[in-house]
Amino acid sequence: MPIDSSDPRSAGFVRVTLMTEVRPELPASLADAIIVGTISSVQPYLSQNHTLIYSELSVHVENIIDQIASIPTKTDITIDQIGGSALLPGGRILRTAISGLGSALANGGRYLFFMKYLATTDAYSIVKAWDLTTGKAKAMAADDLGRVGSHVSQYDGMDAQAFLSLASQLKAGNTRP
């Protein structure tokens, strides 16, 4: 049943649990682009088949650490991500909640992003993100939060400037800096 169905049995809420593979804390080898950016807006949309809400995050690019050559260089990019909430004109709220990915990104937050480029939509998907908003590197991905809980994270809590200095040595698509 579509999430936006007018049928009274439609809850307008979908919970999706995603299991992601364990990835390196700095997964440059899995990324097409590595950037530092700030989320400037979040716009929810109903999926084409009306079963989920997804969000388009507009990100102002502060620094491109590296990207594969075929990706256009831009100062503002779009990231597509499953999940979000949308208010319908009649006041009804539709929501897709995602669990299993880790911490949610926040509008206005500053992040180090490892991303895959989606040429068909000229947008990106997130491989992994690190929160830099407080001046310290903060793990966000579920596997990294597990490392933090086990006290084996190499980077969580590191000064953001030192973290970005280390990240600046990374090359998209490579396993080593």
Protein backbone atom coordinates (compact mmCIF):
# COMPACT_ATOMS: atom_id res chain seq x y z
CA MET A 1 0.00 0.00 0.00
CA PRO A 2 1.41 3.43 -0.85
CA ILE A 3 2.61 5.41 2.17
CA ASP A 4 0.44 8.36 1.07
CA SER A 5 -2.72 6.29 0.62
CA SER A 6 -5.92 7.89 1.88
CA ASP A 7 -7.01 4.47 3.18
CA PRO A 8 -7.45 4.83 6.98
CA ARG A 9 -5.42 1.62 7.46
CA SER A 10 -2.38 3.36 5.98
CA ALA A 11 -0.20 4.54 8.84
CA GLY A 12 1.90 6.90 6.77
CA PHE A 13 4.94 5.48 8.56
CA VAL A 14 7.53 3.03 7.31
CA ARG A 15 10.46 1.69 9.34
CA VAL A 16 13.38 0.33 7.36
CA THR A 17 16.27 -1.50 8.99
CA LEU A 18 19.41 -1.58 6.91
CA MET A 19 22.40 -3.74 7.62
CA THR A 20 25.60 -2.34 6.20
CA GLU A 21 28.91 -4.05 5.85
CA VAL A 22 31.79 -3.14 8.11
CA ARG A 23 33.93 -0.63 6.26
CA PRO A 24 37.25 1.04 7.05
CA GLU A 25 36.95 4.14 9.20
CA LEU A 26 38.25 6.19 6.26
CA PRO A 27 36.87 4.31 3.22
CA ALA A 28 38.65 6.20 0.43
CA SER A 29 38.87 3.00 -1.62
CA LEU A 30 35.06 2.82 -1.76
CA ALA A 31 34.51 6.49 -2.61
CA ASP A 32 34.33 8.44 -5.87
CA ALA A 33 34.70 11.72 -3.97
CA ILE A 34 35.92 12.87 -0.56
CA ILE A 35 34.73 16.31 0.50
CA VAL A 36 34.21 18.56 3.49
CA GLY A 37 30.86 20.29 3.40
CA THR A 38 27.98 21.79 5.33
CA ILE A 39 24.38 20.70 4.86
CA SER A 40 22.51 23.81 3.76
CA SER A 41 19.04 22.29 3.34
CA VAL A 42 17.11 19.03 3.55
CA GLN A 43 14.14 18.44 1.25
CA PRO A 44 11.99 15.31 1.68
CA TYR A 45 10.31 13.67 -1.31
CA LEU A 46 7.93 10.81 -1.86
CA SER A 47 9.56 7.98 -3.81
CA GLN A 48 8.36 7.41 -7.36
CA ASN A 49 6.45 4.26 -6.31
CA HIS A 50 4.91 6.08 -3.28
CA THR A 51 6.26 3.56 -0.74
CA LEU A 52 9.02 5.56 1.00
CA ILE A 53 10.21 9.04 1.81
CA TYR A 54 13.72 9.95 0.76
CA SER A 55 15.59 13.18 1.35
CA GLU A 56 17.73 15.32 -0.85
CA LEU A 57 20.42 17.06 1.14
CA SER A 58 21.96 20.17 -0.37
CA VAL A 59 25.59 20.42 0.68
CA HIS A 60 27.81 23.44 0.29
CA VAL A 61 31.26 22.12 -0.54
CA GLU A 62 33.99 23.71 1.56
CA ASN A 63 36.85 21.56 0.31
CA ILE A 64 37.24 18.78 -2.25
CA ILE A 65 39.89 16.51 -0.81
CA ASP A 66 39.82 14.25 -3.86
CA GLN A 67 37.48 12.95 -6.53
CA ILE A 68 37.71 10.80 -9.61
CA ALA A 69 38.32 12.85 -12.74
CA SER A 70 34.96 12.20 -14.42
CA ILE A 71 32.89 13.90 -11.69
CA PRO A 72 32.00 17.55 -12.32
CA THR A 73 33.49 19.97 -9.79
CA LYS A 74 30.81 22.00 -8.02
CA THR A 75 30.48 24.24 -4.98
CA ASP A 76 27.06 22.82 -4.12
CA ILE A 77 26.07 19.18 -4.47
CA THR A 78 23.02 17.01 -3.79
CA ILE A 79 23.08 13.86 -1.68
CA ASP A 80 20.17 11.42 -1.99
CA GLN A 81 19.37 9.47 1.15
CA ILE A 82 16.52 7.16 2.15
CA GLY A 83 14.45 8.40 5.08
CA GLY A 84 12.77 11.57 6.21
CA SER A 85 9.42 13.15 7.00
CA ALA A 86 7.04 15.02 4.73
CA LEU A 87 4.03 17.15 5.61
CA LEU A 88 1.13 16.76 3.18
CA PRO A 89 -1.10 19.76 2.35
CA GLY A 90 -3.92 18.29 4.50
CA GLY A 91 -1.65 18.20 7.57
CA ARG A 92 -0.84 14.49 7.49
CA ILE A 93 2.81 13.58 8.16
CA LEU A 94 4.48 10.78 6.23
CA ARG A 95 7.66 9.32 7.65
CA THR A 96 10.29 6.77 6.70
CA ALA A 97 12.55 5.98 9.65
CA ILE A 98 15.84 4.25 8.99
CA SER A 99 17.71 2.24 11.58
CA GLY A 100 21.00 0.42 11.32
CA LEU A 101 22.97 3.17 9.58
CA GLY A 102 24.18 5.11 12.62
CA SER A 103 23.66 8.75 13.57
CA ALA A 104 21.49 11.06 11.47
CA LEU A 105 22.92 14.01 9.58
CA ALA A 106 21.73 17.45 10.67
CA ASN A 107 20.87 20.52 8.66
CA GLY A 108 23.68 23.03 9.28
CA GLY A 109 26.12 20.27 10.27
CA ARG A 110 29.67 20.17 8.92
CA TYR A 111 30.93 16.78 7.74
CA LEU A 112 33.71 14.89 6.03
CA PHE A 113 31.91 12.84 3.36
CA PHE A 114 33.05 9.75 1.48
CA MET A 115 30.61 9.51 -1.44
CA LYS A 116 29.62 7.61 -4.55
CA TYR A 117 28.59 9.63 -7.58
CA LEU A 118 25.23 8.78 -9.20
CA ALA A 119 25.59 10.02 -12.76
CA THR A 120 21.95 9.29 -13.67
CA THR A 121 20.71 11.85 -11.12
CA ASP A 122 23.86 14.02 -10.88
CA ALA A 123 23.76 13.40 -7.14
CA TYR A 124 25.72 11.44 -4.55
CA SER A 125 25.10 8.70 -2.02
CA ILE A 126 27.04 8.53 1.23
CA VAL A 127 29.55 5.76 1.78
CA LYS A 128 30.42 7.20 5.20
CA ALA A 129 30.37 10.57 6.97
CA TRP A 130 32.24 12.00 9.94
CA ASP A 131 30.72 14.87 11.95
CA LEU A 132 33.07 17.86 12.34
CA THR A 133 30.49 20.32 13.70
CA THR A 134 31.91 20.56 17.24
CA GLY A 135 35.56 20.87 16.21
CA LYS A 136 36.20 17.18 16.92
CA ALA A 137 35.82 14.22 14.57
CA LYS A 138 32.74 12.28 15.62
CA ALA A 139 31.88 8.84 14.26
CA MET A 140 28.46 8.57 12.64
CA ALA A 141 28.33 5.21 10.81
CA ALA A 142 27.04 2.18 12.72
CA ASP A 143 30.30 0.26 12.30
CA ASP A 144 32.32 3.24 13.55
CA LEU A 145 30.00 3.72 16.53
CA GLY A 146 30.68 0.05 17.33
CA ARG A 147 34.42 0.80 17.24
CA VAL A 148 33.87 3.76 19.58
CA GLY A 149 31.93 1.54 21.99
CA SER A 150 34.75 -1.03 21.91
CA HIS A 151 37.40 1.71 22.34
CA VAL A 152 39.16 0.80 19.08
CA SER A 153 38.30 3.82 16.91
CA GLN A 154 41.43 5.53 15.64
CA TYR A 155 39.74 8.83 14.87
CA ASP A 156 36.67 9.49 17.05
CA GLY A 157 37.35 12.50 19.27
CA MET A 158 40.37 13.66 17.25
CA ASP A 159 40.73 17.40 16.78
CA ALA A 160 38.96 18.28 13.51
CA GLN A 161 41.98 20.14 12.07
CA ALA A 162 44.30 17.17 12.74
CA PHE A 163 41.66 14.80 11.36
CA LEU A 164 41.28 16.86 8.17
CA SER A 165 45.05 17.09 7.81
CA LEU A 166 45.16 13.30 7.85
CA ALA A 167 42.16 13.06 5.49
CA SER A 168 43.82 15.46 3.03
CA GLN A 169 46.29 12.65 2.22
CA LEU A 170 43.51 10.32 1.04
CA LYS A 171 42.80 9.64 -2.60
CA ALA A 172 39.34 8.58 -3.82
CA GLY A 173 39.33 4.97 -5.01
CA ASN A 174 42.68 4.14 -3.35
CA THR A 175 43.36 1.93 -0.36
CA ARG A 176 46.29 4.00 0.94
CA PRO A 177 46.89 7.77 1.36
